[in-house]
Structures are given as C-alpha cells and as structure tokens.
Amino acid sequence: NKTPKDVLVKKWKMSEVYGGMAAKMPDSLREQLIKNMSLEFFPDDKYALTGTDTISHKGSYALSADGKILTITPEATGKPEKNTINEISESKLIFTDDFGTRLSAIPK
C-alpha cells in the first residue's frame, strides 16, 4: 500500500490551471504555463518547479499524514505556502493554493 507521499514523489506536468490568480491571466499566458510547467517532488522532501519563467524554483515540501495539506517552502522566500490537495492518485494531482488557484497535473 502506497502512502500519499509515495504517490506524490514523481515529476508532474500541469494539465490545467484555473481560478484565483490564473483567472486574472490572459488565456495565452495560462496556456503557456500549462504547456511548460512541471513540478517534481523528490523523496528527500525537496521539490523543483520549472517552466513558469527562466528560473527553476526549488525548495522543500511537507505533506500532512492524511495527504490533504501540501506545504511548499520556496528557497527564495523561505515562507511556507499551504496548498489543499483536492485529489491525489497515481494518475492525477489536483491542489488549490492560498490564492484560490487550482492546479491539475498528470505524471510526466
């Protein structure tokens, strides 16, 4: 039996971004993000986000024991960001950030 963290640890490609901050973006920018953005979670509680701009964003993450809260702490800010996991499975990850932006991802 896999834990939520076992399922999370892999490279995910964005398949949908909507609501919150994404609702204010032009469609072309949102489509660009979906096309280029990926998020990879490593077993050592580190993550890497690529494709949002020219920089690779790195930091650490923590997943609550029940798999419902994903806290991401970017190296750049050191400020923890809480995300609510709406769905997590081998084939899909859906989470909502503090700003109400909902991100849907599939394994890359």
Protein backbone atom coordinates (compact mmCIF):
# COMPACT_ATOMS: atom_id res chain seq x y z
CA ASN A 1 0.00 0.00 0.00
CA LYS A 2 1.40 3.37 -1.02
CA THR A 3 1.24 6.38 1.24
CA PRO A 4 0.15 9.77 -0.18
CA LYS A 5 3.84 10.77 -0.22
CA ASP A 6 4.77 7.66 -2.24
CA VAL A 7 2.19 8.73 -4.82
CA LEU A 8 3.36 12.37 -4.78
CA VAL A 9 7.07 11.63 -5.37
CA LYS A 10 7.48 11.92 -9.15
CA LYS A 11 7.51 14.50 -11.91
CA TRP A 12 4.12 16.08 -12.65
CA LYS A 13 3.13 18.09 -15.70
CA MET A 14 0.43 20.73 -15.41
CA SER A 15 -2.74 19.84 -17.30
CA GLU A 16 -4.99 22.64 -16.05
CA VAL A 17 -4.67 25.92 -14.15
CA TYR A 18 -7.78 27.90 -13.25
CA GLY A 19 -9.39 30.21 -10.69
CA GLY A 20 -7.58 32.51 -8.27
CA MET A 21 -4.50 34.17 -9.81
CA ALA A 22 -4.96 32.22 -13.06
CA ALA A 23 -8.37 33.84 -13.60
CA LYS A 24 -6.61 37.21 -13.98
CA MET A 25 -4.12 35.91 -16.59
CA PRO A 26 -4.59 36.26 -20.32
CA ASP A 27 -5.51 32.91 -21.91
CA SER A 28 -2.24 32.90 -23.86
CA LEU A 29 -0.18 33.11 -20.66
CA ARG A 30 -2.24 30.41 -18.93
CA GLU A 31 -1.84 28.12 -21.98
CA GLN A 32 1.92 28.78 -21.95
CA LEU A 33 2.09 27.81 -18.26
CA ILE A 34 0.17 24.59 -18.86
CA LYS A 35 2.43 23.73 -21.79
CA ASN A 36 5.74 24.38 -19.99
CA MET A 37 5.20 23.98 -16.27
CA SER A 38 6.24 20.89 -14.35
CA LEU A 39 6.61 20.17 -10.67
CA GLU A 40 8.85 17.41 -9.36
CA PHE A 41 8.75 16.06 -5.82
CA PHE A 42 11.78 14.13 -4.54
CA PRO A 43 11.93 11.51 -1.73
CA ASP A 44 14.15 13.83 0.39
CA ASP A 45 11.33 16.41 0.83
CA LYS A 46 12.68 18.73 -1.88
CA TYR A 47 10.85 19.97 -4.95
CA ALA A 48 11.64 21.74 -8.22
CA LEU A 49 9.19 23.83 -10.24
CA THR A 50 10.16 24.60 -13.83
CA GLY A 51 8.53 26.31 -16.79
CA THR A 52 6.99 29.32 -15.04
CA ASP A 53 9.84 31.59 -16.18
CA THR A 54 13.53 31.19 -16.94
CA ILE A 55 14.38 30.26 -13.34
CA SER A 56 13.98 26.86 -11.74
CA HIS A 57 12.22 27.31 -8.41
CA LYS A 58 13.40 24.97 -5.68
CA GLY A 59 12.61 24.39 -2.06
CA SER A 60 11.24 21.90 0.41
CA TYR A 61 7.82 20.43 0.95
CA ALA A 62 5.85 18.65 3.63
CA LEU A 63 2.75 16.54 3.13
CA SER A 64 0.34 16.07 6.02
CA ALA A 65 -0.09 12.47 7.22
CA ASP A 66 -3.62 12.33 5.75
CA GLY A 67 -2.37 13.62 2.38
CA LYS A 68 -4.69 16.67 2.45
CA ILE A 69 -2.25 19.56 3.02
CA LEU A 70 0.87 20.15 0.93
CA THR A 71 3.12 22.84 2.39
CA ILE A 72 5.72 24.17 -0.04
CA THR A 73 8.57 26.37 1.20
CA PRO A 74 10.45 28.06 -1.67
CA GLU A 75 14.19 28.65 -1.10
CA ALA A 76 13.77 32.18 -2.48
CA THR A 77 11.33 33.36 0.21
CA GLY A 78 11.61 30.80 3.00
CA LYS A 79 7.90 31.43 3.55
CA PRO A 80 5.72 28.29 3.77
CA GLU A 81 2.79 28.20 1.35
CA LYS A 82 -0.13 25.91 2.22
CA ASN A 83 -1.91 24.09 -0.58
CA THR A 84 -5.03 21.98 -0.18
CA ILE A 85 -4.88 18.67 -2.03
CA ASN A 86 -8.25 18.06 -3.68
CA GLU A 87 -7.23 14.77 -5.30
CA ILE A 88 -4.12 12.62 -5.38
CA SER A 89 -3.72 9.33 -7.22
CA GLU A 90 -1.14 7.62 -9.43
CA SER A 91 -2.60 9.41 -12.46
CA LYS A 92 -3.74 12.79 -11.14
CA LEU A 93 -2.81 15.53 -8.68
CA ILE A 94 -5.18 18.44 -8.05
CA PHE A 95 -4.41 21.10 -5.48
CA THR A 96 -5.53 24.63 -4.60
CA ASP A 97 -3.13 27.31 -3.38
CA ASP A 98 -3.68 30.13 -0.85
CA PHE A 99 -4.92 32.41 -3.63
CA GLY A 100 -7.63 30.02 -4.78
CA THR A 101 -5.70 28.98 -7.90
CA ARG A 102 -6.45 25.36 -8.71
CA LEU A 103 -3.75 23.33 -10.43
CA SER A 104 -4.29 19.97 -12.01
CA ALA A 105 -1.35 17.77 -13.01
CA ILE A 106 -0.65 14.39 -14.56
CA PRO A 107 2.53 12.28 -14.35
CA LYS A 108 5.17 13.39 -16.84
